[in-house]
C-alpha atoms as a PDB file:
ATOM      1  CA  UNK A   1     125.014  70.867  64.972  1.00  0.00           C
ATOM      2  CA  UNK A   2     124.370  74.398  65.023  1.00  0.00           C
ATOM      3  CA  UNK A   3     124.115  75.933  68.465  1.00  0.00           C
ATOM      4  CA  UNK A   4     120.728  77.537  68.017  1.00  0.00           C
ATOM      5  CA  UNK A   5     119.167  74.052  67.117  1.00  0.00           C
ATOM      6  CA  UNK A   6     121.028  72.426  69.939  1.00  0.00           C
ATOM      7  CA  UNK A   7     119.475  74.700  72.396  1.00  0.00           C
ATOM      8  CA  UNK A   8     116.266  74.146  70.809  1.00  0.00           C
ATOM      9  CA  UNK A   9     116.740  70.407  71.226  1.00  0.00           C
ATOM     10  CA  UNK A  10     117.460  70.986  74.995  1.00  0.00           C
ATOM     11  CA  UNK A  11     114.152  72.805  75.453  1.00  0.00           C
ATOM     12  CA  UNK A  12     112.456  70.054  73.538  1.00  0.00           C
ATOM     13  CA  UNK A  13     114.318  67.549  75.566  1.00  0.00           C
ATOM     14  CA  UNK A  14     112.660  68.884  78.775  1.00  0.00           C
ATOM     15  CA  UNK A  15     109.420  68.342  77.635  1.00  0.00           C
ATOM     16  CA  UNK A  16     109.834  65.110  76.215  1.00  0.00           C
ATOM     17  CA  UNK A  17     111.578  64.147  79.254  1.00  0.00           C
ATOM     18  CA  UNK A  18     108.536  65.032  81.321  1.00  0.00           C
ATOM     19  CA  UNK A  19     106.585  62.810  79.141  1.00  0.00           C
ATOM     20  CA  UNK A  20     107.969  59.533  80.313  1.00  0.00           C
ATOM     21  CA  UNK A  21     110.151  57.553  82.288  1.00  0.00           C
ATOM     22  CA  UNK A  22     111.124  55.275  79.528  1.00  0.00           C
ATOM     23  CA  UNK A  23     111.442  55.043  75.779  1.00  0.00           C
ATOM     24  CA  UNK A  24     109.955  52.284  73.875  1.00  0.00           C
ATOM     25  CA  UNK A  25     111.829  50.866  70.715  1.00  0.00           C
ATOM     26  CA  UNK A  26     110.318  51.427  67.389  1.00  0.00           C
ATOM     27  CA  UNK A  27     110.887  47.852  65.891  1.00  0.00           C
ATOM     28  CA  UNK A  28     107.943  47.696  63.756  1.00  0.00           C
ATOM     29  CA  UNK A  29     108.737  50.824  62.251  1.00  0.00           C
ATOM     30  CA  UNK A  30     112.378  49.782  61.803  1.00  0.00           C
ATOM     31  CA  UNK A  31     111.322  46.712  60.057  1.00  0.00           C
ATOM     32  CA  UNK A  32     109.058  48.826  57.806  1.00  0.00           C
ATOM     33  CA  UNK A  33     112.034  50.955  56.862  1.00  0.00           C
ATOM     34  CA  UNK A  34     114.321  47.891  56.299  1.00  0.00           C
ATOM     35  CA  UNK A  35     111.780  46.587  53.898  1.00  0.00           C
ATOM     36  CA  UNK A  36     111.810  50.133  51.969  1.00  0.00           C
ATOM     37  CA  UNK A  37     115.517  49.733  51.628  1.00  0.00           C
ATOM     38  CA  UNK A  38     116.055  46.003  50.705  1.00  0.00           C
ATOM     39  CA  UNK A  39     116.426  42.823  52.205  1.00  0.00           C
ATOM     40  CA  UNK A  40     118.774  42.459  55.139  1.00  0.00           C
ATOM     41  CA  UNK A  41     122.293  40.936  54.325  1.00  0.00           C
ATOM     42  CA  UNK A  42     123.359  37.679  55.052  1.00  0.00           C
ATOM     43  CA  UNK A  43     125.684  36.755  57.810  1.00  0.00           C
ATOM     44  CA  UNK A  44     129.373  37.537  56.557  1.00  0.00           C
ATOM     45  CA  UNK A  45     128.317  39.432  53.506  1.00  0.00           C
ATOM     46  CA  UNK A  46     128.293  43.224  52.599  1.00  0.00           C
ATOM     47  CA  UNK A  47     125.843  45.306  54.526  1.00  0.00           C
ATOM     48  CA  UNK A  48     122.438  46.118  53.217  1.00  0.00           C
ATOM     49  CA  UNK A  49     123.595  49.817  52.809  1.00  0.00           C
ATOM     50  CA  UNK A  50     126.633  50.266  51.026  1.00  0.00           C
ATOM     51  CA  UNK A  51     129.037  53.224  51.113  1.00  0.00           C
ATOM     52  CA  UNK A  52     128.316  55.615  48.369  1.00  0.00           C
ATOM     53  CA  UNK A  53     131.130  57.375  46.597  1.00  0.00           C
ATOM     54  CA  UNK A  54     131.676  61.154  47.769  1.00  0.00           C
ATOM     55  CA  UNK A  55     130.918  62.608  44.573  1.00  0.00           C
ATOM     56  CA  UNK A  56     127.491  60.984  44.778  1.00  0.00           C
ATOM     57  CA  UNK A  57     126.706  62.543  48.518  1.00  0.00           C
ATOM     58  CA  UNK A  58     125.298  65.844  47.632  1.00  0.00           C
ATOM     59  CA  UNK A  59     121.466  65.818  47.792  1.00  0.00           C
ATOM     60  CA  UNK A  60     119.674  65.792  44.328  1.00  0.00           C
ATOM     61  CA  UNK A  61     117.442  63.006  44.404  1.00  0.00           C
ATOM     62  CA  UNK A  62     114.633  63.710  47.084  1.00  0.00           C
ATOM     63  CA  UNK A  63     111.978  60.940  47.523  1.00  0.00           C
ATOM     64  CA  UNK A  64     108.986  63.143  48.197  1.00  0.00           C
ATOM     65  CA  UNK A  65     106.077  62.081  50.122  1.00  0.00           C
ATOM     66  CA  UNK A  66     103.410  64.009  48.564  1.00  0.00           C
ATOM     67  CA  UNK A  67     100.115  62.659  50.339  1.00  0.00           C
ATOM     68  CA  UNK A  68      98.370  64.997  52.666  1.00  0.00           C
ATOM     69  CA  UNK A  69     100.027  65.464  55.876  1.00  0.00           C
ATOM     70  CA  UNK A  70      98.589  63.444  58.945  1.00  0.00           C
ATOM     71  CA  UNK A  71     100.949  64.273  61.783  1.00  0.00           C
ATOM     72  CA  UNK A  72      98.267  63.800  64.321  1.00  0.00           C
ATOM     73  CA  UNK A  73      97.587  60.232  63.451  1.00  0.00           C
ATOM     74  CA  UNK A  74     101.204  59.378  62.598  1.00  0.00           C
ATOM     75  CA  UNK A  75     102.069  60.866  66.439  1.00  0.00           C
ATOM     76  CA  UNK A  76      99.298  58.884  67.696  1.00  0.00           C
ATOM     77  CA  UNK A  77     100.223  55.684  66.264  1.00  0.00           C
ATOM     78  CA  UNK A  78     103.607  55.952  67.660  1.00  0.00           C
ATOM     79  CA  UNK A  79     102.512  56.554  71.182  1.00  0.00           C
ATOM     80  CA  UNK A  80     100.516  53.564  71.276  1.00  0.00           C
ATOM     81  CA  UNK A  81     103.801  51.852  72.149  1.00  0.00           C
ATOM     82  CA  UNK A  82     103.789  53.394  75.506  1.00  0.00           C
ATOM     83  CA  UNK A  83     101.619  52.761  78.783  1.00  0.00           C
ATOM     84  CA  UNK A  84      98.093  54.327  78.280  1.00  0.00           C
ATOM     85  CA  UNK A  85      98.828  56.847  81.080  1.00  0.00           C
ATOM     86  CA  UNK A  86     101.836  58.277  78.832  1.00  0.00           C
ATOM     87  CA  UNK A  87     100.206  58.179  75.627  1.00  0.00           C
ATOM     88  CA  UNK A  88      98.609  61.908  75.286  1.00  0.00           C
ATOM     89  CA  UNK A  89     101.940  63.253  76.376  1.00  0.00           C
ATOM     90  CA  UNK A  90     103.882  61.222  74.004  1.00  0.00           C
ATOM     91  CA  UNK A  91     101.595  62.078  71.014  1.00  0.00           C
ATOM     92  CA  UNK A  92     102.470  65.809  72.033  1.00  0.00           C
ATOM     93  CA  UNK A  93     106.148  64.991  72.260  1.00  0.00           C
ATOM     94  CA  UNK A  94     106.089  63.377  69.030  1.00  0.00           C
ATOM     95  CA  UNK A  95     104.138  66.275  67.250  1.00  0.00           C
ATOM     96  CA  UNK A  96     106.669  68.503  68.824  1.00  0.00           C
ATOM     97  CA  UNK A  97     109.410  66.269  67.473  1.00  0.00           C
ATOM     98  CA  UNK A  98     108.203  66.580  63.993  1.00  0.00           C
ATOM     99  CA  UNK A  99     107.882  70.412  64.258  1.00  0.00           C
ATOM    100  CA  UNK A 100     111.527  70.838  64.906  1.00  0.00           C
ATOM    101  CA  UNK A 101     112.741  68.171  62.292  1.00  0.00           C
ATOM    102  CA  UNK A 102     110.782  70.718  59.833  1.00  0.00           C
ATOM    103  CA  UNK A 103     112.952  73.483  61.135  1.00  0.00           C
ATOM    104  CA  UNK A 104     115.921  71.327  60.710  1.00  0.00           C
ATOM    105  CA  UNK A 105     115.119  70.417  57.149  1.00  0.00           C
ATOM    106  CA  UNK A 106     115.141  74.238  56.399  1.00  0.00           C
ATOM    107  CA  UNK A 107     118.565  74.914  58.531  1.00  0.00           C
ATOM    108  CA  UNK A 108     120.213  71.847  56.696  1.00  0.00           C
ATOM    109  CA  UNK A 109     119.082  72.926  53.481  1.00  0.00           C
ATOM    110  CA  UNK A 110     117.178  69.706  52.892  1.00  0.00           C
ATOM    111  CA  UNK A 111     114.264  69.334  50.803  1.00  0.00           C
ATOM    112  CA  UNK A 112     110.818  69.330  52.661  1.00  0.00           C
ATOM    113  CA  UNK A 113     108.878  65.885  52.767  1.00  0.00           C
ATOM    114  CA  UNK A 114     112.002  63.572  51.731  1.00  0.00           C
ATOM    115  CA  UNK A 115     111.564  60.013  52.863  1.00  0.00           C
ATOM    116  CA  UNK A 116     115.090  59.908  52.177  1.00  0.00           C
ATOM    117  CA  UNK A 117     115.970  62.611  54.614  1.00  0.00           C
ATOM    118  CA  UNK A 118     113.500  61.042  57.362  1.00  0.00           C
ATOM    119  CA  UNK A 119     114.983  57.911  56.952  1.00  0.00           C
ATOM    120  CA  UNK A 120     118.334  59.231  57.580  1.00  0.00           C
ATOM    121  CA  UNK A 121     117.076  61.110  60.520  1.00  0.00           C
ATOM    122  CA  UNK A 122     115.683  57.745  62.063  1.00  0.00           C
ATOM    123  CA  UNK A 123     119.245  56.031  61.669  1.00  0.00           C
ATOM    124  CA  UNK A 124     121.244  58.921  62.685  1.00  0.00           C
ATOM    125  CA  UNK A 125     118.984  59.783  65.757  1.00  0.00           C
ATOM    126  CA  UNK A 126     119.395  56.174  67.125  1.00  0.00           C
ATOM    127  CA  UNK A 127     122.821  55.710  66.020  1.00  0.00           C
ATOM    128  CA  UNK A 128     123.699  59.200  68.354  1.00  0.00           C
ATOM    129  CA  UNK A 129     121.472  57.661  71.179  1.00  0.00           C
ATOM    130  CA  UNK A 130     123.530  54.499  71.234  1.00  0.00           C
ATOM    131  CA  UNK A 131     126.816  55.770  70.473  1.00  0.00           C
ATOM    132  CA  UNK A 132     126.348  58.923  72.898  1.00  0.00           C
ATOM    133  CA  UNK A 133     127.703  61.319  69.869  1.00  0.00           C
ATOM    134  CA  UNK A 134     126.107  63.783  67.440  1.00  0.00           C
ATOM    135  CA  UNK A 135     126.295  62.991  63.892  1.00  0.00           C
ATOM    136  CA  UNK A 136     128.270  65.668  61.980  1.00  0.00           C
ATOM    137  CA  UNK A 137     125.859  67.723  59.626  1.00  0.00           C
ATOM    138  CA  UNK A 138     128.116  67.046  56.660  1.00  0.00           C
ATOM    139  CA  UNK A 139     127.930  63.234  57.692  1.00  0.00           C
ATOM    140  CA  UNK A 140     124.181  63.548  58.030  1.00  0.00           C
ATOM    141  CA  UNK A 141     124.026  64.785  54.535  1.00  0.00           C
ATOM    142  CA  UNK A 142     125.725  61.939  53.082  1.00  0.00           C
ATOM    143  CA  UNK A 143     123.359  59.724  54.775  1.00  0.00           C
ATOM    144  CA  UNK A 144     120.576  61.499  53.136  1.00  0.00           C
ATOM    145  CA  UNK A 145     122.190  61.370  49.765  1.00  0.00           C
ATOM    146  CA  UNK A 146     122.617  57.425  50.246  1.00  0.00           C
ATOM    147  CA  UNK A 147     119.047  56.743  51.653  1.00  0.00           C
ATOM    148  CA  UNK A 148     117.784  58.711  48.641  1.00  0.00           C
ATOM    149  CA  UNK A 149     119.432  56.352  46.265  1.00  0.00           C
ATOM    150  CA  UNK A 150     118.324  53.600  47.911  1.00  0.00           C
ATOM    151  CA  UNK A 151     114.753  54.190  47.961  1.00  0.00           C
ATOM    152  CA  UNK A 152     114.735  55.273  44.529  1.00  0.00           C
ATOM    153  CA  UNK A 153     116.165  52.133  43.632  1.00  0.00           C
ATOM    154  CA  UNK A 154     113.465  49.976  45.357  1.00  0.00           C
ATOM    155  CA  UNK A 155     110.442  48.807  43.359  1.00  0.00           C
ATOM    156  CA  UNK A 156     108.351  47.945  46.464  1.00  0.00           C
ATOM    157  CA  UNK A 157     108.699  51.701  48.050  1.00  0.00           C
ATOM    158  CA  UNK A 158     108.047  53.144  44.574  1.00  0.00           C
ATOM    159  CA  UNK A 159     104.682  51.251  44.050  1.00  0.00           C
ATOM    160  CA  UNK A 160     103.552  52.327  47.848  1.00  0.00           C
ATOM    161  CA  UNK A 161     100.542  54.669  48.018  1.00  0.00           C
ATOM    162  CA  UNK A 162     101.035  58.531  48.872  1.00  0.00           C
ATOM    163  CA  UNK A 163      99.496  57.851  52.375  1.00  0.00           C
ATOM    164  CA  UNK A 164     101.942  55.076  52.933  1.00  0.00           C
ATOM    165  CA  UNK A 165     105.116  57.211  51.820  1.00  0.00           C
ATOM    166  CA  UNK A 166     103.517  60.093  53.986  1.00  0.00           C
ATOM    167  CA  UNK A 167     103.170  57.963  57.225  1.00  0.00           C
ATOM    168  CA  UNK A 168     106.743  56.607  56.869  1.00  0.00           C
ATOM    169  CA  UNK A 169     108.132  59.961  56.162  1.00  0.00           C
ATOM    170  CA  UNK A 170     106.507  61.469  59.479  1.00  0.00           C
ATOM    171  CA  UNK A 171     107.009  58.643  61.729  1.00  0.00           C
ATOM    172  CA  UNK A 172     110.824  58.050  60.841  1.00  0.00           C
ATOM    173  CA  UNK A 173     111.428  61.699  61.255  1.00  0.00           C
ATOM    174  CA  UNK A 174     109.370  62.040  64.555  1.00  0.00           C
ATOM    175  CA  UNK A 175     111.348  58.944  65.913  1.00  0.00           C
ATOM    176  CA  UNK A 176     114.773  60.027  64.759  1.00  0.00           C
ATOM    177  CA  UNK A 177     114.233  63.605  66.210  1.00  0.00           C
ATOM    178  CA  UNK A 178     112.624  62.249  69.371  1.00  0.00           C
ATOM    179  CA  UNK A 179     115.914  60.159  70.104  1.00  0.00           C
ATOM    180  CA  UNK A 180     118.214  62.785  69.679  1.00  0.00           C
ATOM    181  CA  UNK A 181     115.942  65.353  71.929  1.00  0.00           C
ATOM    182  CA  UNK A 182     115.861  62.508  74.637  1.00  0.00           C
ATOM    183  CA  UNK A 183     119.382  62.221  74.443  1.00  0.00           C
ATOM    184  CA  UNK A 184     120.069  65.878  75.154  1.00  0.00           C
ATOM    185  CA  UNK A 185     117.638  65.446  78.170  1.00  0.00           C
ATOM    186  CA  UNK A 186     119.645  62.783  79.636  1.00  0.00           C
ATOM    187  CA  UNK A 187     122.910  64.483  79.115  1.00  0.00           C
ATOM    188  CA  UNK A 188     121.343  67.568  81.139  1.00  0.00           C
ATOM    189  CA  UNK A 189     119.466  65.013  83.911  1.00  0.00           C
ATOM    190  CA  UNK A 190     121.529  62.012  84.115  1.00  0.00           C
ATOM    191  CA  UNK A 191     119.633  58.901  84.788  1.00  0.00           C
ATOM    192  CA  UNK A 192     121.470  55.842  84.883  1.00  0.00           C
ATOM    193  CA  UNK A 193     118.583  53.478  84.803  1.00  0.00           C
ATOM    194  CA  UNK A 194     116.836  55.376  81.873  1.00  0.00           C
ATOM    195  CA  UNK A 195     120.005  55.584  79.844  1.00  0.00           C
ATOM    196  CA  UNK A 196     120.173  51.685  79.910  1.00  0.00           C
ATOM    197  CA  UNK A 197     116.874  51.469  78.618  1.00  0.00           C
ATOM    198  CA  UNK A 198     117.105  54.437  76.234  1.00  0.00           C
ATOM    199  CA  UNK A 199     120.454  53.032  74.808  1.00  0.00           C
ATOM    200  CA  UNK A 200     118.434  49.589  74.386  1.00  0.00           C
ATOM    201  CA  UNK A 201     115.897  51.091  72.617  1.00  0.00           C
ATOM    202  CA  UNK A 202     118.124  52.862  70.138  1.00  0.00           C
ATOM    203  CA  UNK A 203     119.932  49.665  69.262  1.00  0.00           C
ATOM    204  CA  UNK A 204     116.659  47.568  68.921  1.00  0.00           C
ATOM    205  CA  UNK A 205     115.763  50.290  66.293  1.00  0.00           C
ATOM    206  CA  UNK A 206     118.827  50.198  64.440  1.00  0.00           C
ATOM    207  CA  UNK A 207     119.473  46.675  64.167  1.00  0.00           C
ATOM    208  CA  UNK A 208     115.607  46.180  63.195  1.00  0.00           C
ATOM    209  CA  UNK A 209     116.004  49.169  60.373  1.00  0.00           C
ATOM    210  CA  UNK A 210     119.593  48.272  59.151  1.00  0.00           C
ATOM    211  CA  UNK A 211     119.584  44.470  59.504  1.00  0.00           C
ATOM    212  CA  UNK A 212     123.062  44.395  61.014  1.00  0.00           C
ATOM    213  CA  UNK A 213     124.321  44.622  64.771  1.00  0.00           C
ATOM    214  CA  UNK A 214     124.778  48.107  66.002  1.00  0.00           C
ATOM    215  CA  UNK A 215     128.375  47.353  66.577  1.00  0.00           C
ATOM    216  CA  UNK A 216     129.128  46.884  63.250  1.00  0.00           C
ATOM    217  CA  UNK A 217     127.793  50.066  61.601  1.00  0.00           C
ATOM    218  CA  UNK A 218     129.459  53.385  61.477  1.00  0.00           C
ATOM    219  CA  UNK A 219     128.452  56.838  60.131  1.00  0.00           C
ATOM    220  CA  UNK A 220     130.948  58.924  58.229  1.00  0.00           C
ATOM    221  CA  UNK A 221     131.599  61.174  55.334  1.00  0.00           C
ATOM    222  CA  UNK A 222     130.402  58.104  52.921  1.00  0.00           C
ATOM    223  CA  UNK A 223     127.338  57.693  55.010  1.00  0.00           C
ATOM    224  CA  UNK A 224     126.616  54.321  56.649  1.00  0.00           C
ATOM    225  CA  UNK A 225     129.242  52.022  56.567  1.00  0.00           C
ATOM    226  CA  UNK A 226     130.028  48.511  57.733  1.00  0.00           C
ATOM    227  CA  UNK A 227     132.787  48.668  60.591  1.00  0.00           C
END
């Protein structure tokens, strides 16, 4: 990750850390994401998301959420998973996470409002949180291309309305960025109890979103692959 954005993450992490003492899993959102990508793989079969050839990992097929922005509504809905006393702070934290995501879109040369990129952000943010390591930019771009292809081939997602696409775009980007942000907060100010809850939330998000045990997945130059 580029150094200026790493510093920005740390700054945003301080605000996020002050918002709540625990991170709630976004399993409902993750399950919606899994439905967009396709049915989960049966035990012992190939993963729901297959590796893509290296030649296909260059961005080029964005899946645009063209509906009107609804950032406050999206953030408010996500904040409902938290205790009432934390909801206002978490709404603000998710809104700030989304603003950071939009800057990251520009930094990485991603197409704005791309649901494929937001889906990749959700996966990469939770993966980084669970594995306790950042996803390199090039690996993330391969993941973006992979998610773009999966969404483009999904009839159910293609038939969903503009408002639904916009909501998924915003909420996936918010959660993925927030998880990356909160990881930086815990690195700066270690807290073993929070770390356990945080990694459990990331694990729940990934397993609900991908349909595989988190220990079986890996993000690399081909995107998301089965270990």
